[in-house]
N, C-alpha and C. Protein backbone atom coordinates (compact mmCIF):
# COMPACT_ATOMS: atom_id res chain seq x y z
N MET A 1 18.83 -93.72 23.85
CA MET A 1 19.69 -92.88 24.67
C MET A 1 20.41 -93.72 25.73
N ALA A 2 21.72 -93.35 25.76
CA ALA A 2 22.70 -94.02 26.68
C ALA A 2 22.40 -93.69 28.07
N ASP A 3 22.55 -94.61 29.03
CA ASP A 3 22.49 -94.33 30.43
C ASP A 3 23.84 -93.87 30.87
N LEU A 4 23.74 -92.50 31.09
CA LEU A 4 24.91 -91.91 31.70
C LEU A 4 25.04 -91.60 33.05
N SER A 5 24.16 -92.12 33.83
CA SER A 5 24.01 -91.94 35.41
C SER A 5 25.23 -92.33 36.20
N GLY A 6 26.02 -93.34 35.64
CA GLY A 6 27.45 -93.74 36.32
C GLY A 6 28.49 -93.03 35.71
N ALA A 7 28.35 -92.13 34.97
CA ALA A 7 29.55 -91.45 34.20
C ALA A 7 30.41 -90.71 35.31
N VAL A 8 31.92 -91.01 35.13
CA VAL A 8 32.68 -90.33 35.77
C VAL A 8 33.27 -89.29 34.92
N TRP A 9 33.10 -87.94 34.93
CA TRP A 9 33.65 -87.02 34.17
C TRP A 9 35.01 -86.50 34.48
N ARG A 10 35.74 -86.22 33.43
CA ARG A 10 37.03 -85.53 33.76
C ARG A 10 37.16 -84.42 32.81
N LYS A 11 37.70 -83.38 33.18
CA LYS A 11 37.90 -82.09 32.33
C LYS A 11 39.30 -82.47 31.51
N SER A 12 39.18 -82.03 30.18
CA SER A 12 40.23 -82.08 29.28
C SER A 12 41.55 -81.25 29.64
N THR A 13 42.80 -81.88 29.61
CA THR A 13 43.86 -81.02 30.04
C THR A 13 44.08 -79.95 28.93
N ARG A 14 43.50 -80.12 27.84
CA ARG A 14 43.59 -79.11 26.76
C ARG A 14 42.56 -78.02 26.79
N SER A 15 41.72 -77.85 27.90
CA SER A 15 40.80 -76.86 27.88
C SER A 15 41.60 -75.61 28.16
N ASP A 16 40.93 -74.47 27.64
CA ASP A 16 41.78 -73.14 27.70
C ASP A 16 40.94 -72.16 28.49
N ASN A 17 41.40 -70.91 28.50
CA ASN A 17 40.82 -69.83 29.19
C ASN A 17 40.57 -70.03 30.68
N GLY A 18 41.54 -70.67 31.20
CA GLY A 18 41.45 -70.92 32.64
C GLY A 18 40.03 -71.78 33.09
N GLY A 19 39.74 -72.54 32.11
CA GLY A 19 38.51 -73.37 32.41
C GLY A 19 37.24 -72.82 31.73
N ALA A 20 37.34 -71.73 31.14
CA ALA A 20 36.05 -71.26 30.49
C ALA A 20 35.60 -71.93 29.34
N SER A 21 36.46 -72.53 28.63
CA SER A 21 36.05 -73.37 27.47
C SER A 21 36.45 -74.76 27.73
N CYS A 22 35.61 -75.50 28.45
CA CYS A 22 36.05 -76.89 28.89
C CYS A 22 35.20 -78.13 28.25
N VAL A 23 35.86 -78.94 27.89
CA VAL A 23 35.27 -80.25 27.41
C VAL A 23 35.40 -81.29 28.68
N GLU A 24 34.43 -82.02 28.98
CA GLU A 24 34.62 -83.04 29.87
C GLU A 24 34.28 -84.47 29.27
N VAL A 25 35.07 -85.49 29.56
CA VAL A 25 34.90 -86.75 28.90
C VAL A 25 34.67 -87.81 30.05
N ALA A 26 33.72 -88.77 29.72
CA ALA A 26 33.59 -89.88 30.63
C ALA A 26 33.82 -91.21 29.89
N LYS A 27 34.89 -91.89 30.21
CA LYS A 27 35.34 -93.00 29.56
C LYS A 27 35.08 -94.51 30.24
N ASN A 28 34.39 -94.35 31.54
CA ASN A 28 34.28 -95.44 32.41
C ASN A 28 32.91 -96.34 31.97
N LEU A 29 32.20 -95.83 31.05
CA LEU A 29 30.93 -96.55 30.77
C LEU A 29 31.17 -97.72 29.73
N PRO A 30 30.40 -98.82 29.85
CA PRO A 30 30.71 -99.93 28.93
C PRO A 30 30.03 -99.56 27.62
N GLY A 31 30.99 -99.62 26.52
CA GLY A 31 30.66 -99.51 25.20
C GLY A 31 30.49 -98.18 24.63
N ILE A 32 30.66 -97.14 25.67
CA ILE A 32 30.42 -95.66 25.05
C ILE A 32 31.45 -94.71 25.82
N VAL A 33 31.70 -93.56 24.99
CA VAL A 33 32.42 -92.53 25.61
C VAL A 33 31.63 -91.30 25.60
N GLY A 34 31.30 -90.70 26.56
CA GLY A 34 30.50 -89.53 26.81
C GLY A 34 31.39 -88.20 26.68
N VAL A 35 30.97 -87.13 25.88
CA VAL A 35 31.60 -85.91 25.93
C VAL A 35 30.48 -84.74 26.04
N ARG A 36 30.85 -83.89 26.94
CA ARG A 36 29.96 -82.69 27.35
C ARG A 36 30.56 -81.38 27.60
N ASP A 37 29.99 -80.25 27.35
CA ASP A 37 30.29 -79.08 27.79
C ASP A 37 30.31 -78.75 29.32
N SER A 38 31.41 -78.53 30.06
CA SER A 38 31.38 -78.29 31.41
C SER A 38 30.57 -77.20 31.85
N LYS A 39 30.36 -76.18 30.94
CA LYS A 39 29.35 -75.06 31.36
C LYS A 39 27.95 -75.38 31.26
N ASP A 40 27.72 -76.60 30.62
CA ASP A 40 26.30 -76.84 30.57
C ASP A 40 26.20 -78.42 30.74
N ARG A 41 26.37 -78.71 31.96
CA ARG A 41 26.46 -80.09 32.48
C ARG A 41 25.15 -80.77 32.19
N PRO A 42 24.05 -80.09 32.47
CA PRO A 42 22.69 -80.91 32.23
C PRO A 42 22.30 -80.88 30.82
N GLY A 43 22.85 -80.18 29.87
CA GLY A 43 22.76 -80.12 28.61
C GLY A 43 23.12 -81.44 27.78
N PRO A 44 23.07 -81.21 26.48
CA PRO A 44 23.46 -82.40 25.70
C PRO A 44 24.69 -83.12 25.89
N VAL A 45 24.86 -84.33 25.57
CA VAL A 45 26.04 -85.14 25.72
C VAL A 45 26.21 -85.93 24.39
N LEU A 46 27.44 -85.85 23.91
CA LEU A 46 27.67 -86.50 22.71
C LEU A 46 28.21 -87.89 23.05
N THR A 47 27.79 -88.97 22.39
CA THR A 47 28.44 -90.26 22.76
C THR A 47 29.03 -90.82 21.47
N PHE A 48 30.08 -91.62 21.88
CA PHE A 48 30.97 -92.22 20.76
C PHE A 48 31.17 -93.58 21.05
N GLU A 49 31.48 -94.54 19.95
CA GLU A 49 31.86 -95.98 20.35
C GLU A 49 33.33 -95.70 20.72
N PRO A 50 33.89 -96.42 21.68
CA PRO A 50 35.25 -96.26 22.15
C PRO A 50 36.31 -96.19 20.84
N ASP A 51 36.18 -97.08 19.82
CA ASP A 51 37.02 -97.15 18.79
C ASP A 51 37.09 -95.93 18.02
N ALA A 52 35.85 -95.37 17.76
CA ALA A 52 35.71 -93.93 17.09
C ALA A 52 36.45 -92.92 17.90
N TRP A 53 36.14 -92.83 19.12
CA TRP A 53 36.81 -91.89 20.09
C TRP A 53 38.21 -91.97 19.94
N ARG A 54 38.74 -93.23 19.99
CA ARG A 54 40.23 -93.34 20.07
C ARG A 54 40.70 -92.83 18.79
N ALA A 55 40.02 -93.22 17.64
CA ALA A 55 40.49 -92.56 16.34
C ALA A 55 40.43 -91.09 16.04
N PHE A 56 39.55 -90.57 16.57
CA PHE A 56 39.29 -89.00 16.83
C PHE A 56 40.52 -88.58 17.65
N VAL A 57 40.70 -89.10 18.92
CA VAL A 57 41.97 -88.48 19.65
C VAL A 57 43.17 -88.65 18.91
N ASP A 58 43.36 -89.88 18.41
CA ASP A 58 44.61 -90.12 17.74
C ASP A 58 44.87 -89.25 16.39
N GLY A 59 43.76 -88.98 15.75
CA GLY A 59 43.82 -87.88 14.84
C GLY A 59 44.26 -86.57 15.18
N ILE A 60 43.77 -86.21 16.24
CA ILE A 60 44.11 -84.84 16.93
C ILE A 60 45.54 -84.76 17.09
N LYS A 61 46.14 -85.89 17.95
CA LYS A 61 47.42 -85.96 18.25
C LYS A 61 48.39 -85.97 17.04
N ALA A 62 48.01 -86.57 15.92
CA ALA A 62 48.81 -86.61 14.77
C ALA A 62 48.75 -85.34 13.95
N GLY A 63 47.78 -84.36 14.32
CA GLY A 63 47.73 -83.00 13.66
C GLY A 63 46.78 -83.01 12.39
N GLU A 64 45.96 -84.30 12.31
CA GLU A 64 45.04 -84.33 11.26
C GLU A 64 44.08 -83.34 11.10
N LEU A 65 43.72 -82.77 12.25
CA LEU A 65 42.63 -81.73 12.34
C LEU A 65 43.08 -80.15 12.48
N ASP A 66 44.40 -80.06 12.45
CA ASP A 66 44.89 -78.76 12.61
C ASP A 66 44.33 -77.81 11.51
N LEU A 67 44.16 -76.60 11.80
CA LEU A 67 43.86 -75.63 10.83
C LEU A 67 44.91 -75.29 10.11
N PRO A 68 44.81 -74.85 8.87
CA PRO A 68 46.03 -74.37 8.04
C PRO A 68 46.50 -73.00 8.47
N ARG A 69 47.86 -72.91 8.41
CA ARG A 69 48.52 -71.73 8.93
C ARG A 69 48.51 -70.72 7.89
């Protein structure tokens, strides 16, 4: 389990519903990126290797994960 005690969390600018459906990301930790639900801060945290997180974000930006219309 990753040590997240020094995590600096920031809310996604893509969160919707006035903050009701928010994702928070911590990218300041060595070797991992943490992702959590802001409504359940003590709950589970997903962790990713920085390269995997970057590929995921790049894929979103490129529209690779868009739902069919």
